[in-house]
Amino acid sequence: LGAQGEFVAARELQQRVVEEMRALWGDEDRETLRAVNN
């Protein structure tokens, strides 16, 4: 979505993913770090 220029939709989805991954695995998990990077 971000690559298509749909930044609002991309940001909302990515923020949700970050929050859910933090809840599942914590701040230091590799998947969480990748989600934050994205």
PDB file of all heavy atoms in Angstrom:
ATOM      1  N   LEU A   1       0.835  -1.199   0.000  1.00  0.00           N
ATOM      2  CA  LEU A   1       0.000   0.000   0.000  1.00  0.00           C
ATOM      3  C   LEU A   1       0.874   1.255   0.000  1.00  0.00           C
ATOM      4  O   LEU A   1       0.602   2.229  -0.717  1.00  0.00           O
ATOM      5  CB  LEU A   1      -0.930   0.003   1.212  1.00  0.00           C
ATOM      6  CG  LEU A   1      -2.052  -1.044   1.222  1.00  0.00           C
ATOM      7  CD1 LEU A   1      -2.751  -1.039   2.570  1.00  0.00           C
ATOM      8  CD2 LEU A   1      -3.052  -0.772   0.104  1.00  0.00           C
ATOM      9  N   GLY A   2       1.920   1.238   0.793  1.00  0.00           N
ATOM     10  CA  GLY A   2       2.836   2.371   0.816  1.00  0.00           C
ATOM     11  C   GLY A   2       3.516   2.574  -0.525  1.00  0.00           C
ATOM     12  O   GLY A   2       3.693   3.709  -0.982  1.00  0.00           O
ATOM     13  N   ALA A   3       3.914   1.472  -1.151  1.00  0.00           N
ATOM     14  CA  ALA A   3       4.569   1.555  -2.460  1.00  0.00           C
ATOM     15  C   ALA A   3       3.624   2.119  -3.522  1.00  0.00           C
ATOM     16  O   ALA A   3       4.074   2.729  -4.497  1.00  0.00           O
ATOM     17  CB  ALA A   3       5.068   0.176  -2.885  1.00  0.00           C
ATOM     18  N   GLN A   4       2.329   1.937  -3.326  1.00  0.00           N
ATOM     19  CA  GLN A   4       1.332   2.492  -4.237  1.00  0.00           C
ATOM     20  C   GLN A   4       0.979   3.938  -3.902  1.00  0.00           C
ATOM     21  O   GLN A   4       0.157   4.541  -4.580  1.00  0.00           O
ATOM     22  CB  GLN A   4       0.065   1.637  -4.215  1.00  0.00           C
ATOM     23  CG  GLN A   4       0.229   0.274  -4.861  1.00  0.00           C
ATOM     24  CD  GLN A   4      -1.077  -0.505  -4.901  1.00  0.00           C
ATOM     25  OE1 GLN A   4      -1.773  -0.626  -3.902  1.00  0.00           O
ATOM     26  NE2 GLN A   4      -1.411  -1.032  -6.065  1.00  0.00           N
ATOM     27  N   GLY A   5       1.592   4.471  -2.863  1.00  0.00           N
ATOM     28  CA  GLY A   5       1.321   5.854  -2.486  1.00  0.00           C
ATOM     29  C   GLY A   5       0.120   6.044  -1.595  1.00  0.00           C
ATOM     30  O   GLY A   5      -0.262   7.185  -1.303  1.00  0.00           O
ATOM     31  N   GLU A   6      -0.468   4.964  -1.124  1.00  0.00           N
ATOM     32  CA  GLU A   6      -1.628   5.055  -0.231  1.00  0.00           C
ATOM     33  C   GLU A   6      -1.127   5.084   1.217  1.00  0.00           C
ATOM     34  O   GLU A   6      -1.274   4.132   1.978  1.00  0.00           O
ATOM     35  CB  GLU A   6      -2.580   3.891  -0.478  1.00  0.00           C
ATOM     36  CG  GLU A   6      -3.178   3.901  -1.887  1.00  0.00           C
ATOM     37  CD  GLU A   6      -4.329   2.935  -2.048  1.00  0.00           C
ATOM     38  OE1 GLU A   6      -4.960   2.592  -1.029  1.00  0.00           O
ATOM     39  OE2 GLU A   6      -4.588   2.525  -3.187  1.00  0.00           O
ATOM     40  N   PHE A   7      -0.540   6.214   1.582  1.00  0.00           N
ATOM     41  CA  PHE A   7       0.184   6.314   2.844  1.00  0.00           C
ATOM     42  C   PHE A   7      -0.725   6.240   4.067  1.00  0.00           C
ATOM     43  O   PHE A   7      -0.341   5.669   5.091  1.00  0.00           O
ATOM     44  CB  PHE A   7       0.999   7.607   2.878  1.00  0.00           C
ATOM     45  CG  PHE A   7       2.017   7.701   1.781  1.00  0.00           C
ATOM     46  CD1 PHE A   7       2.068   8.820   0.953  1.00  0.00           C
ATOM     47  CD2 PHE A   7       2.918   6.675   1.569  1.00  0.00           C
ATOM     48  CE1 PHE A   7       3.002   8.901  -0.058  1.00  0.00           C
ATOM     49  CE2 PHE A   7       3.862   6.751   0.554  1.00  0.00           C
ATOM     50  CZ  PHE A   7       3.907   7.868  -0.254  1.00  0.00           C
ATOM     51  N   VAL A   8      -1.909   6.814   3.971  1.00  0.00           N
ATOM     52  CA  VAL A   8      -2.818   6.781   5.129  1.00  0.00           C
ATOM     53  C   VAL A   8      -3.249   5.345   5.428  1.00  0.00           C
ATOM     54  O   VAL A   8      -3.169   4.878   6.576  1.00  0.00           O
ATOM     55  CB  VAL A   8      -4.052   7.672   4.888  1.00  0.00           C
ATOM     56  CG1 VAL A   8      -5.055   7.507   6.029  1.00  0.00           C
ATOM     57  CG2 VAL A   8      -3.640   9.137   4.758  1.00  0.00           C
ATOM     58  N   ALA A   9      -3.684   4.630   4.385  1.00  0.00           N
ATOM     59  CA  ALA A   9      -4.106   3.239   4.571  1.00  0.00           C
ATOM     60  C   ALA A   9      -2.942   2.372   5.022  1.00  0.00           C
ATOM     61  O   ALA A   9      -3.097   1.506   5.894  1.00  0.00           O
ATOM     62  CB  ALA A   9      -4.695   2.697   3.268  1.00  0.00           C
ATOM     63  N   ALA A  10      -1.770   2.615   4.449  1.00  0.00           N
ATOM     64  CA  ALA A  10      -0.589   1.837   4.821  1.00  0.00           C
ATOM     65  C   ALA A  10      -0.221   2.083   6.276  1.00  0.00           C
ATOM     66  O   ALA A  10       0.051   1.142   7.025  1.00  0.00           O
ATOM     67  CB  ALA A  10       0.584   2.202   3.914  1.00  0.00           C
ATOM     68  N   ARG A  11      -0.217   3.354   6.688  1.00  0.00           N
ATOM     69  CA  ARG A  11       0.156   3.686   8.057  1.00  0.00           C
ATOM     70  C   ARG A  11      -0.818   3.082   9.061  1.00  0.00           C
ATOM     71  O   ARG A  11      -0.404   2.522  10.081  1.00  0.00           O
ATOM     72  CB  ARG A  11       0.203   5.197   8.242  1.00  0.00           C
ATOM     73  CG  ARG A  11       0.715   5.617   9.624  1.00  0.00           C
ATOM     74  CD  ARG A  11       0.732   7.117   9.781  1.00  0.00           C
ATOM     75  NE  ARG A  11      -0.610   7.691   9.804  1.00  0.00           N
ATOM     76  CZ  ARG A  11      -1.101   8.479   8.859  1.00  0.00           C
ATOM     77  NH1 ARG A  11      -0.385   8.800   7.797  1.00  0.00           N
ATOM     78  NH2 ARG A  11      -2.330   8.964   8.955  1.00  0.00           N
ATOM     79  N   GLU A  12      -2.112   3.169   8.771  1.00  0.00           N
ATOM     80  CA  GLU A  12      -3.111   2.626   9.691  1.00  0.00           C
ATOM     81  C   GLU A  12      -2.951   1.115   9.850  1.00  0.00           C
ATOM     82  O   GLU A  12      -3.017   0.582  10.968  1.00  0.00           O
ATOM     83  CB  GLU A  12      -4.520   2.961   9.185  1.00  0.00           C
ATOM     84  CG  GLU A  12      -4.864   4.441   9.305  1.00  0.00           C
ATOM     85  CD  GLU A  12      -6.229   4.763   8.729  1.00  0.00           C
ATOM     86  OE1 GLU A  12      -6.825   3.871   8.078  1.00  0.00           O
ATOM     87  OE2 GLU A  12      -6.697   5.905   8.914  1.00  0.00           O
ATOM     88  N   LEU A  13      -2.727   0.434   8.729  1.00  0.00           N
ATOM     89  CA  LEU A  13      -2.561  -1.022   8.789  1.00  0.00           C
ATOM     90  C   LEU A  13      -1.269  -1.382   9.514  1.00  0.00           C
ATOM     91  O   LEU A  13      -1.250  -2.287  10.362  1.00  0.00           O
ATOM     92  CB  LEU A  13      -2.563  -1.608   7.379  1.00  0.00           C
ATOM     93  CG  LEU A  13      -2.439  -3.136   7.275  1.00  0.00           C
ATOM     94  CD1 LEU A  13      -3.576  -3.828   8.017  1.00  0.00           C
ATOM     95  CD2 LEU A  13      -2.417  -3.574   5.813  1.00  0.00           C
ATOM     96  N   GLN A  14      -0.197  -0.672   9.213  1.00  0.00           N
ATOM     97  CA  GLN A  14       1.090  -0.985   9.831  1.00  0.00           C
ATOM     98  C   GLN A  14       1.097  -0.673  11.319  1.00  0.00           C
ATOM     99  O   GLN A  14       1.698  -1.409  12.109  1.00  0.00           O
ATOM    100  CB  GLN A  14       2.198  -0.228   9.108  1.00  0.00           C
ATOM    101  CG  GLN A  14       2.469  -0.789   7.711  1.00  0.00           C
ATOM    102  CD  GLN A  14       3.398   0.091   6.906  1.00  0.00           C
ATOM    103  OE1 GLN A  14       3.405   1.310   7.052  1.00  0.00           O
ATOM    104  NE2 GLN A  14       4.195  -0.522   6.053  1.00  0.00           N
ATOM    105  N   GLN A  15       0.436   0.391  11.723  1.00  0.00           N
ATOM    106  CA  GLN A  15       0.343   0.697  13.151  1.00  0.00           C
ATOM    107  C   GLN A  15      -0.409  -0.409  13.888  1.00  0.00           C
ATOM    108  O   GLN A  15      -0.043  -0.794  15.009  1.00  0.00           O
ATOM    109  CB  GLN A  15      -0.340   2.043  13.361  1.00  0.00           C
ATOM    110  CG  GLN A  15       0.548   3.226  13.016  1.00  0.00           C
ATOM    111  CD  GLN A  15      -0.161   4.554  13.129  1.00  0.00           C
ATOM    112  OE1 GLN A  15      -1.377   4.643  12.956  1.00  0.00           O
ATOM    113  NE2 GLN A  15       0.592   5.604  13.388  1.00  0.00           N
ATOM    114  N   ARG A  16      -1.455  -0.904  13.262  1.00  0.00           N
ATOM    115  CA  ARG A  16      -2.217  -1.999  13.866  1.00  0.00           C
ATOM    116  C   ARG A  16      -1.341  -3.243  14.003  1.00  0.00           C
ATOM    117  O   ARG A  16      -1.356  -3.914  15.046  1.00  0.00           O
ATOM    118  CB  ARG A  16      -3.439  -2.312  13.000  1.00  0.00           C
ATOM    119  CG  ARG A  16      -4.228  -3.514  13.477  1.00  0.00           C
ATOM    120  CD  ARG A  16      -5.368  -3.824  12.535  1.00  0.00           C
ATOM    121  NE  ARG A  16      -6.012  -5.066  12.896  1.00  0.00           N
ATOM    122  CZ  ARG A  16      -6.951  -5.655  12.159  1.00  0.00           C
ATOM    123  NH1 ARG A  16      -7.358  -5.090  11.036  1.00  0.00           N
ATOM    124  NH2 ARG A  16      -7.474  -6.800  12.542  1.00  0.00           N
ATOM    125  N   VAL A  17      -0.577  -3.541  12.959  1.00  0.00           N
ATOM    126  CA  VAL A  17       0.294  -4.713  12.998  1.00  0.00           C
ATOM    127  C   VAL A  17       1.339  -4.569  14.099  1.00  0.00           C
ATOM    128  O   VAL A  17       1.610  -5.519  14.845  1.00  0.00           O
ATOM    129  CB  VAL A  17       0.969  -4.921  11.621  1.00  0.00           C
ATOM    130  CG1 VAL A  17       2.065  -5.981  11.714  1.00  0.00           C
ATOM    131  CG2 VAL A  17      -0.062  -5.330  10.571  1.00  0.00           C
ATOM    132  N   VAL A  18       1.940  -3.385  14.215  1.00  0.00           N
ATOM    133  CA  VAL A  18       2.941  -3.146  15.250  1.00  0.00           C
ATOM    134  C   VAL A  18       2.343  -3.373  16.633  1.00  0.00           C
ATOM    135  O   VAL A  18       2.935  -4.042  17.495  1.00  0.00           O
ATOM    136  CB  VAL A  18       3.521  -1.713  15.144  1.00  0.00           C
ATOM    137  CG1 VAL A  18       4.325  -1.363  16.393  1.00  0.00           C
ATOM    138  CG2 VAL A  18       4.393  -1.591  13.904  1.00  0.00           C
ATOM    139  N   GLU A  19       1.164  -2.824  16.865  1.00  0.00           N
ATOM    140  CA  GLU A  19       0.512  -2.969  18.171  1.00  0.00           C
ATOM    141  C   GLU A  19       0.206  -4.427  18.488  1.00  0.00           C
ATOM    142  O   GLU A  19       0.436  -4.893  19.617  1.00  0.00           O
ATOM    143  CB  GLU A  19      -0.768  -2.138  18.199  1.00  0.00           C
ATOM    144  CG  GLU A  19      -0.532  -0.630  18.189  1.00  0.00           C
ATOM    145  CD  GLU A  19      -1.806   0.157  17.979  1.00  0.00           C
ATOM    146  OE1 GLU A  19      -2.881  -0.476  17.866  1.00  0.00           O
ATOM    147  OE2 GLU A  19      -1.733   1.391  17.916  1.00  0.00           O
ATOM    148  N   GLU A  20      -0.303  -5.155  17.498  1.00  0.00           N
ATOM    149  CA  GLU A  20      -0.645  -6.559  17.728  1.00  0.00           C
ATOM    150  C   GLU A  20       0.606  -7.403  17.943  1.00  0.00           C
ATOM    151  O   GLU A  20       0.624  -8.313  18.787  1.00  0.00           O
ATOM    152  CB  GLU A  20      -1.448  -7.105  16.538  1.00  0.00           C
ATOM    153  CG  GLU A  20      -2.821  -6.468  16.353  1.00  0.00           C
ATOM    154  CD  GLU A  20      -3.775  -6.774  17.496  1.00  0.00           C
ATOM    155  OE1 GLU A  20      -3.513  -7.708  18.282  1.00  0.00           O
ATOM    156  OE2 GLU A  20      -4.802  -6.072  17.611  1.00  0.00           O
ATOM    157  N   MET A  21       1.673  -7.121  17.183  1.00  0.00           N
ATOM    158  CA  MET A  21       2.908  -7.890  17.348  1.00  0.00           C
ATOM    159  C   MET A  21       3.564  -7.592  18.689  1.00  0.00           C
ATOM    160  O   MET A  21       4.122  -8.494  19.318  1.00  0.00           O
ATOM    161  CB  MET A  21       3.865  -7.591  16.195  1.00  0.00           C
ATOM    162  CG  MET A  21       3.457  -8.241  14.887  1.00  0.00           C
ATOM    163  SD  MET A  21       4.702  -8.053  13.596  1.00  0.00           S
ATOM    164  CE  MET A  21       4.047  -9.202  12.353  1.00  0.00           C
ATOM    165  N   ARG A  22       3.501  -6.348  19.116  1.00  0.00           N
ATOM    166  CA  ARG A  22       4.034  -6.024  20.440  1.00  0.00           C
ATOM    167  C   ARG A  22       3.269  -6.766  21.536  1.00  0.00           C
ATOM    168  O   ARG A  22       3.857  -7.242  22.511  1.00  0.00           O
ATOM    169  CB  ARG A  22       3.964  -4.515  20.666  1.00  0.00           C
ATOM    170  CG  ARG A  22       5.080  -3.736  19.987  1.00  0.00           C
ATOM    171  CD  ARG A  22       4.913  -2.245  20.134  1.00  0.00           C
ATOM    172  NE  ARG A  22       6.100  -1.530  19.679  1.00  0.00           N
ATOM    173  CZ  ARG A  22       6.143  -0.235  19.420  1.00  0.00           C
ATOM    174  NH1 ARG A  22       5.049   0.505  19.561  1.00  0.00           N
ATOM    175  NH2 ARG A  22       7.264   0.330  19.008  1.00  0.00           N
ATOM    176  N   ALA A  23       1.951  -6.871  21.361  1.00  0.00           N
ATOM    177  CA  ALA A  23       1.134  -7.582  22.345  1.00  0.00           C
ATOM    178  C   ALA A  23       1.458  -9.077  22.361  1.00  0.00           C
ATOM    179  O   ALA A  23       1.459  -9.709  23.426  1.00  0.00           O
ATOM    180  CB  ALA A  23      -0.350  -7.362  22.039  1.00  0.00           C
ATOM    181  N   LEU A  24       1.747  -9.630  21.176  1.00  0.00           N
ATOM    182  CA  LEU A  24       2.033 -11.059  21.079  1.00  0.00           C
ATOM    183  C   LEU A  24       3.445 -11.406  21.531  1.00  0.00           C
ATOM    184  O   LEU A  24       3.659 -12.360  22.282  1.00  0.00           O
ATOM    185  CB  LEU A  24       1.841 -11.531  19.634  1.00  0.00           C
ATOM    186  CG  LEU A  24       0.414 -11.770  19.145  1.00  0.00           C
ATOM    187  CD1 LEU A  24       0.427 -12.054  17.642  1.00  0.00           C
ATOM    188  CD2 LEU A  24      -0.221 -12.941  19.884  1.00  0.00           C
ATOM    189  N   TRP A  25       4.420 -10.643  21.046  1.00  0.00           N
ATOM    190  CA  TRP A  25       5.822 -11.045  21.210  1.00  0.00           C
ATOM    191  C   TRP A  25       6.681 -10.038  21.977  1.00  0.00           C
ATOM    192  O   TRP A  25       7.825 -10.344  22.316  1.00  0.00           O
ATOM    193  CB  TRP A  25       6.456 -11.273  19.827  1.00  0.00           C
ATOM    194  CG  TRP A  25       5.793 -12.347  19.048  1.00  0.00           C
ATOM    195  CD1 TRP A  25       5.513 -13.619  19.474  1.00  0.00           C
ATOM    196  CD2 TRP A  25       5.312 -12.277  17.703  1.00  0.00           C
ATOM    197  NE1 TRP A  25       4.892 -14.331  18.485  1.00  0.00           N
ATOM    198  CE2 TRP A  25       4.756 -13.535  17.381  1.00  0.00           C
ATOM    199  CE3 TRP A  25       5.302 -11.283  16.734  1.00  0.00           C
ATOM    200  CZ2 TRP A  25       4.201 -13.815  16.143  1.00  0.00           C
ATOM    201  CZ3 TRP A  25       4.753 -11.559  15.492  1.00  0.00           C
ATOM    202  CH2 TRP A  25       4.204 -12.807  15.201  1.00  0.00           C
ATOM    203  N   GLY A  26       6.179  -8.841  22.204  1.00  0.00           N
ATOM    204  CA  GLY A  26       6.990  -7.841  22.878  1.00  0.00           C
ATOM    205  C   GLY A  26       7.731  -6.947  21.899  1.00  0.00           C
ATOM    206  O   GLY A  26       7.708  -7.158  20.687  1.00  0.00           O
ATOM    207  N   ASP A  27       8.425  -5.951  22.455  1.00  0.00           N
ATOM    208  CA  ASP A  27       9.100  -4.950  21.633  1.00  0.00           C
ATOM    209  C   ASP A  27      10.377  -5.459  20.980  1.00  0.00           C
ATOM    210  O   ASP A  27      10.854  -4.852  20.015  1.00  0.00           O
ATOM    211  CB  ASP A  27       9.459  -3.727  22.488  1.00  0.00           C
ATOM    212  CG  ASP A  27       8.226  -2.985  22.968  1.00  0.00           C
ATOM    213  OD1 ASP A  27       7.160  -3.115  22.335  1.00  0.00           O
ATOM    214  OD2 ASP A  27       8.335  -2.268  23.987  1.00  0.00           O
ATOM    215  N   GLU A  28      10.953  -6.546  21.505  1.00  0.00           N
ATOM    216  CA  GLU A  28      12.276  -6.960  21.059  1.00  0.00           C
ATOM    217  C   GLU A  28      12.253  -8.142  20.106  1.00  0.00           C
ATOM    218  O   GLU A  28      13.311  -8.624  19.695  1.00  0.00           O
ATOM    219  CB  GLU A  28      13.152  -7.294  22.273  1.00  0.00           C
ATOM    220  CG  GLU A  28      13.375  -6.087  23.184  1.00  0.00           C
ATOM    221  CD  GLU A  28      14.343  -6.380  24.310  1.00  0.00           C
ATOM    222  OE1 GLU A  28      14.693  -7.574  24.501  1.00  0.00           O
ATOM    223  OE2 GLU A  28      14.766  -5.427  24.987  1.00  0.00           O
ATOM    224  N   ASP A  29      11.071  -8.603  19.718  1.00  0.00           N
ATOM    225  CA  ASP A  29      10.992  -9.723  18.782  1.00  0.00           C
ATOM    226  C   ASP A  29      11.355  -9.248  17.377  1.00  0.00           C
ATOM    227  O   ASP A  29      11.086  -8.106  16.992  1.00  0.00           O
ATOM    228  CB  ASP A  29       9.576 -10.310  18.781  1.00  0.00           C
ATOM    229  CG  ASP A  29       9.471 -11.537  17.896  1.00  0.00           C
ATOM    230  OD1 ASP A  29       9.811 -12.636  18.370  1.00  0.00           O
ATOM    231  OD2 ASP A  29       9.064 -11.389  16.723  1.00  0.00           O
ATOM    232  N   ARG A  30      11.961 -10.126  16.616  1.00  0.00           N
ATOM    233  CA  ARG A  30      12.400  -9.775  15.258  1.00  0.00           C
ATOM    234  C   ARG A  30      11.232  -9.350  14.372  1.00  0.00           C
ATOM    235  O   ARG A  30      11.349  -8.404  13.595  1.00  0.00           O
ATOM    236  CB  ARG A  30      13.125 -10.973  14.634  1.00  0.00           C
ATOM    237  CG  ARG A  30      13.743 -10.690  13.275  1.00  0.00           C
ATOM    238  CD  ARG A  30      14.461 -11.925  12.750  1.00  0.00           C
ATOM    239  NE  ARG A  30      15.017 -11.697  11.433  1.00  0.00           N
ATOM    240  CZ  ARG A  30      15.599 -12.637  10.706  1.00  0.00           C
ATOM    241  NH1 ARG A  30      15.706 -13.872  11.176  1.00  0.00           N
ATOM    242  NH2 ARG A  30      16.072 -12.350   9.498  1.00  0.00           N
ATOM    243  N   GLU A  31      10.105 -10.029  14.489  1.00  0.00           N
ATOM    244  CA  GLU A  31       8.943  -9.677  13.668  1.00  0.00           C
ATOM    245  C   GLU A  31       8.415  -8.292  14.042  1.00  0.00           C
ATOM    246  O   GLU A  31       8.007  -7.514  13.174  1.00  0.00           O
ATOM    247  CB  GLU A  31       7.847 -10.734  13.828  1.00  0.00           C
ATOM    248  CG  GLU A  31       8.198 -12.106  13.289  1.00  0.00           C
ATOM    249  CD  GLU A  31       8.412 -12.116  11.783  1.00  0.00           C
ATOM    250  OE1 GLU A  31       7.879 -11.226  11.100  1.00  0.00           O
ATOM    251  OE2 GLU A  31       9.131 -13.016  11.295  1.00  0.00           O
ATOM    252  N   THR A  32       8.425  -7.980  15.320  1.00  0.00           N
ATOM    253  CA  THR A  32       7.995  -6.654  15.765  1.00  0.00           C
ATOM    254  C   THR A  32       8.924  -5.583  15.218  1.00  0.00           C
ATOM    255  O   THR A  32       8.473  -4.538  14.716  1.00  0.00           O
ATOM    256  CB  THR A  32       7.970  -6.570  17.297  1.00  0.00           C
ATOM    257  OG1 THR A  32       7.113  -7.596  17.823  1.00  0.00           O
ATOM    258  CG2 THR A  32       7.466  -5.217  17.763  1.00  0.00           C
ATOM    259  N   LEU A  33      10.219  -5.823  15.289  1.00  0.00           N
ATOM    260  CA  LEU A  33      11.195  -4.860  14.784  1.00  0.00           C
ATOM    261  C   LEU A  33      11.013  -4.630  13.289  1.00  0.00           C
ATOM    262  O   LEU A  33      11.123  -3.499  12.802  1.00  0.00           O
ATOM    263  CB  LEU A  33      12.615  -5.348  15.077  1.00  0.00           C
ATOM    264  CG  LEU A  33      13.011  -5.409  16.560  1.00  0.00           C
ATOM    265  CD1 LEU A  33      14.365  -6.088  16.724  1.00  0.00           C
ATOM    266  CD2 LEU A  33      13.033  -4.004  17.160  1.00  0.00           C
ATOM    267  N   ARG A  34      10.739  -5.677  12.551  1.00  0.00           N
ATOM    268  CA  ARG A  34      10.506  -5.535  11.109  1.00  0.00           C
ATOM    269  C   ARG A  34       9.252  -4.702  10.841  1.00  0.00           C
ATOM    270  O   ARG A  34       9.232  -3.878   9.929  1.00  0.00           O
ATOM    271  CB  ARG A  34      10.373  -6.912  10.460  1.00  0.00           C
ATOM    272  CG  ARG A  34      11.685  -7.659  10.327  1.00  0.00           C
ATOM    273  CD  ARG A  34      11.489  -9.000   9.644  1.00  0.00           C
ATOM    274  NE  ARG A  34      12.756  -9.617   9.313  1.00  0.00           N
ATOM    275  CZ  ARG A  34      12.878 -10.779   8.666  1.00  0.00           C
ATOM    276  NH1 ARG A  34      11.777 -11.452   8.315  1.00  0.00           N
ATOM    277  NH2 ARG A  34      14.067 -11.264   8.386  1.00  0.00           N
ATOM    278  N   ALA A  35       8.230  -4.935  11.645  1.00  0.00           N
ATOM    279  CA  ALA A  35       6.988  -4.183  11.464  1.00  0.00           C
ATOM    280  C   ALA A  35       7.204  -2.700  11.752  1.00  0.00           C
ATOM    281  O   ALA A  35       6.684  -1.834  11.032  1.00  0.00           O
ATOM    282  CB  ALA A  35       5.897  -4.750  12.376  1.00  0.00           C
ATOM    283  N   VAL A  36       7.973  -2.394  12.792  1.00  0.00           N
ATOM    284  CA  VAL A  36       8.266  -0.994  13.116  1.00  0.00           C
ATOM    285  C   VAL A  36       9.097  -0.363  12.006  1.00  0.00           C
ATOM    286  O   VAL A  36       8.869   0.791  11.614  1.00  0.00           O
ATOM    287  CB  VAL A  36       8.995  -0.893  14.467  1.00  0.00           C
ATOM    288  CG1 VAL A  36       9.416   0.543  14.739  1.00  0.00           C
ATOM    289  CG2 VAL A  36       8.105  -1.399  15.592  1.00  0.00           C
ATOM    290  N   ASN A  37      10.063  -1.106  11.485  1.00  0.00           N
ATOM    291  CA  ASN A  37      10.893  -0.612  10.389  1.00  0.00           C
ATOM    292  C   ASN A  37      10.032  -0.265   9.174  1.00  0.00           C
ATOM    293  O   ASN A  37      10.224   0.778   8.522  1.00  0.00           O
ATOM    294  CB  ASN A  37      11.937  -1.660  10.018  1.00  0.00           C
ATOM    295  CG  ASN A  37      12.837  -1.209   8.885  1.00  0.00           C
ATOM    296  OD1 ASN A  37      13.702  -0.358   9.053  1.00  0.00           O
ATOM    297  ND2 ASN A  37      12.625  -1.771   7.704  1.00  0.00           N
ATOM    298  N   ASN A  38       9.064  -1.123   8.862  1.00  0.00           N
ATOM    299  CA  ASN A  38       8.174  -0.865   7.725  1.00  0.00           C
ATOM    300  C   ASN A  38       7.310   0.367   7.953  1.00  0.00           C
ATOM    301  O   ASN A  38       7.084   1.161   7.034  1.00  0.00           O
ATOM    302  CB  ASN A  38       7.282  -2.083   7.464  1.00  0.00           C
ATOM    303  CG  ASN A  38       8.064  -3.272   6.934  1.00  0.00           C
ATOM    304  OD1 ASN A  38       9.205  -3.140   6.509  1.00  0.00           O
ATOM    305  ND2 ASN A  38       7.447  -4.434   6.970  1.00  0.00           N
TER     306      ASN A  38
END
